[in-house]
Amino acid sequence: MNAMTQHAVNAYSQVGVESSVADANPHKLILMLFEGAIKAVAKARLAMTRGEIAPKCEAISKAIAIVQEGLQLSLDIKAGGELAENLNGLYEYMIHRLVFANLKNQVEPLDEVGKLLVDLKNAWAAIAPKQAQQKMVSAAPDNTPPQRNTAVSYGKA
């Protein structure tokens, strides 16, 4: 297990996920992080509308931890280039919006972050078939080593 995968496993485990994270491939792990963050934002929104302060704060803290300690810290800016830099900035923005939602008790920033997370999750899920096809092609018996596509590189290798 590489350092990125181990870091994401640790971050995901710390926020209370009870699944077989250790067996997930890096792509699946990032999907799980997105799903966890989306669920945490939805829980925060529900708690906020019900006036439940402690559950709201707990859910927002969980969402921030997943975005910051899982998604953001897993980025490899060097390998991912401009895409990774843009994602890093977007994650920073989401964290600020989550803090703002918590402080001002406003659902609009939660809705905004939730939509961004869903869009990113869907985009990330859409590249999975392309990666699978790439692996099948590179596994052809031509004795050429598989090439790493850094354009879609998310995590640290």
Protein backbone atom coordinates (compact mmCIF):
# COMPACT_ATOMS: atom_id res chain seq x y z
CA MET A 1 0.00 0.00 0.00
CA ASN A 2 1.54 3.33 -1.02
CA ALA A 3 1.70 6.41 1.20
CA MET A 4 -1.30 8.12 -0.44
CA THR A 5 -3.46 5.08 0.02
CA GLN A 6 -2.34 4.65 3.62
CA HIS A 7 -3.00 8.32 4.39
CA ALA A 8 -6.48 8.14 2.85
CA VAL A 9 -7.20 4.90 4.73
CA ASN A 10 -6.20 6.58 8.00
CA ALA A 11 -8.25 9.70 7.29
CA TYR A 12 -11.29 7.70 6.32
CA SER A 13 -10.99 5.43 9.35
CA GLN A 14 -10.64 8.41 11.68
CA VAL A 15 -14.00 9.81 10.60
CA GLY A 16 -15.84 6.67 11.60
CA VAL A 17 -16.20 4.67 8.41
CA GLU A 18 -16.72 1.00 9.11
CA SER A 19 -15.89 -0.83 5.90
CA SER A 20 -13.05 -2.69 4.30
CA VAL A 21 -11.11 0.44 3.38
CA ALA A 22 -7.80 -1.39 3.53
CA ASP A 23 -8.86 -3.59 0.58
CA ALA A 24 -9.99 -0.72 -1.65
CA ASN A 25 -7.88 0.40 -4.59
CA PRO A 26 -6.89 4.09 -4.66
CA HIS A 27 -9.65 4.99 -7.12
CA LYS A 28 -12.33 3.32 -5.02
CA LEU A 29 -10.90 4.89 -1.89
CA ILE A 30 -11.33 8.40 -3.33
CA LEU A 31 -14.92 7.53 -4.27
CA MET A 32 -15.52 6.40 -0.70
CA LEU A 33 -14.11 9.68 0.59
CA PHE A 34 -16.47 11.64 -1.66
CA GLU A 35 -19.41 9.51 -0.50
CA GLY A 36 -18.50 10.01 3.16
CA ALA A 37 -18.19 13.78 2.73
CA ILE A 38 -21.51 13.96 0.87
CA LYS A 39 -23.25 12.02 3.64
CA ALA A 40 -21.69 14.21 6.33
CA VAL A 41 -22.86 17.39 4.58
CA ALA A 42 -26.38 15.96 4.23
CA LYS A 43 -26.42 15.05 7.95
CA ALA A 44 -25.23 18.55 8.83
CA ARG A 45 -27.99 20.08 6.74
CA LEU A 46 -30.65 17.93 8.38
CA ALA A 47 -29.35 18.70 11.87
CA MET A 48 -29.20 22.41 11.04
CA THR A 49 -32.81 22.49 9.84
CA ARG A 50 -33.86 20.68 13.02
CA GLY A 51 -31.93 23.09 15.23
CA GLU A 52 -29.68 20.29 16.54
CA ILE A 53 -26.43 22.12 17.23
CA ALA A 54 -24.19 19.28 18.43
CA PRO A 55 -25.04 16.87 15.56
CA LYS A 56 -24.65 19.75 13.07
CA CYS A 57 -21.19 20.61 14.39
CA GLU A 58 -20.17 16.94 14.46
CA ALA A 59 -21.29 16.37 10.86
CA ILE A 60 -19.60 19.52 9.57
CA SER A 61 -16.40 18.58 11.39
CA LYS A 62 -16.56 15.15 9.78
CA ALA A 63 -17.05 16.65 6.31
CA ILE A 64 -14.13 19.02 6.84
CA ALA A 65 -11.91 16.15 8.03
CA ILE A 66 -12.73 14.05 4.97
CA VAL A 67 -12.12 16.92 2.55
CA GLN A 68 -8.98 18.16 4.27
CA GLU A 69 -7.32 15.01 5.59
CA GLY A 70 -8.52 12.62 2.92
CA LEU A 71 -9.13 14.36 -0.40
CA GLN A 72 -6.92 17.43 -0.16
CA LEU A 73 -3.88 15.82 1.43
CA SER A 74 -4.02 12.97 -1.06
CA LEU A 75 -3.43 15.30 -3.99
CA ASP A 76 -0.06 15.09 -5.68
CA ILE A 77 0.40 18.60 -7.05
CA LYS A 78 3.62 17.69 -8.84
CA ALA A 79 2.16 14.72 -10.73
CA GLY A 80 -1.33 16.16 -11.13
CA GLY A 81 -0.21 19.59 -12.29
CA GLU A 82 -2.83 22.22 -12.94
CA LEU A 83 -5.73 19.84 -12.30
CA ALA A 84 -4.41 18.97 -8.85
CA GLU A 85 -3.76 22.65 -8.10
CA ASN A 86 -7.33 23.52 -9.09
CA LEU A 87 -8.73 20.70 -6.95
CA ASN A 88 -6.62 21.87 -4.03
CA GLY A 89 -8.09 25.36 -4.35
CA LEU A 90 -11.60 23.96 -4.65
CA TYR A 91 -11.11 21.86 -1.51
CA GLU A 92 -9.88 24.97 0.35
CA TYR A 93 -12.99 26.81 -0.81
CA MET A 94 -15.24 23.97 0.36
CA ILE A 95 -13.59 23.93 3.78
CA HIS A 96 -14.14 27.69 4.13
CA ARG A 97 -17.78 27.34 3.09
CA LEU A 98 -18.33 24.53 5.62
CA VAL A 99 -16.84 26.65 8.41
CA PHE A 100 -19.01 29.58 7.31
CA ALA A 101 -22.13 27.39 7.28
CA ASN A 102 -21.35 26.26 10.79
CA LEU A 103 -20.65 29.75 12.15
CA LYS A 104 -23.61 31.46 10.48
CA ASN A 105 -25.97 28.47 10.71
CA GLN A 106 -26.83 28.74 7.01
CA VAL A 107 -27.86 25.84 4.79
CA GLU A 108 -26.93 27.52 1.49
CA PRO A 109 -23.18 26.90 1.88
CA LEU A 110 -23.92 23.27 2.78
CA ASP A 111 -26.01 22.91 -0.37
CA GLU A 112 -23.22 24.47 -2.42
CA VAL A 113 -20.55 22.16 -0.99
CA GLY A 114 -22.82 19.14 -1.32
CA LYS A 115 -23.37 19.88 -5.02
CA LEU A 116 -19.65 20.39 -5.62
CA LEU A 117 -18.86 17.08 -3.91
CA VAL A 118 -21.50 15.23 -5.94
CA ASP A 119 -20.18 16.73 -9.18
CA LEU A 120 -16.59 15.78 -8.29
CA LYS A 121 -17.64 12.28 -7.24
CA ASN A 122 -19.49 11.75 -10.52
CA ALA A 123 -16.51 13.01 -12.52
CA TRP A 124 -14.16 10.77 -10.57
CA ALA A 125 -16.45 7.77 -11.05
CA ALA A 126 -16.60 8.46 -14.80
CA ILE A 127 -12.85 8.00 -15.23
CA ALA A 128 -12.86 4.51 -13.72
CA PRO A 129 -13.82 2.73 -16.97
CA LYS A 130 -11.08 4.60 -18.82
CA GLN A 131 -8.50 3.45 -16.27
CA ALA A 132 -9.75 -0.14 -16.53
CA GLN A 133 -9.45 -0.01 -20.32
CA GLN A 134 -5.97 1.46 -20.05
CA LYS A 135 -4.88 -1.38 -17.78
CA MET A 136 -6.29 -3.97 -20.18
CA VAL A 137 -4.43 -2.43 -23.13
CA SER A 138 -1.19 -2.08 -21.21
CA ALA A 139 -1.45 -5.70 -20.06
CA ALA A 140 -1.17 -6.88 -23.67
CA PRO A 141 1.75 -9.28 -24.18
CA ASP A 142 3.98 -6.82 -26.04
CA ASN A 143 6.44 -6.64 -23.13
CA THR A 144 6.01 -2.86 -22.93
CA PRO A 145 5.70 -1.67 -19.33
CA PRO A 146 2.39 0.04 -18.52
CA GLN A 147 2.55 3.83 -18.69
CA ARG A 148 1.20 5.97 -15.89
CA ASN A 149 -1.22 8.61 -17.07
CA THR A 150 -0.34 11.62 -14.89
CA ALA A 151 -3.15 13.66 -16.40
CA VAL A 152 -5.61 11.73 -14.24
CA SER A 153 -3.19 11.12 -11.40
CA TYR A 154 -4.96 12.01 -8.21
CA GLY A 155 -2.93 10.65 -5.43
CA LYS A 156 0.65 10.32 -4.54
CA ALA A 157 2.37 7.31 -6.01
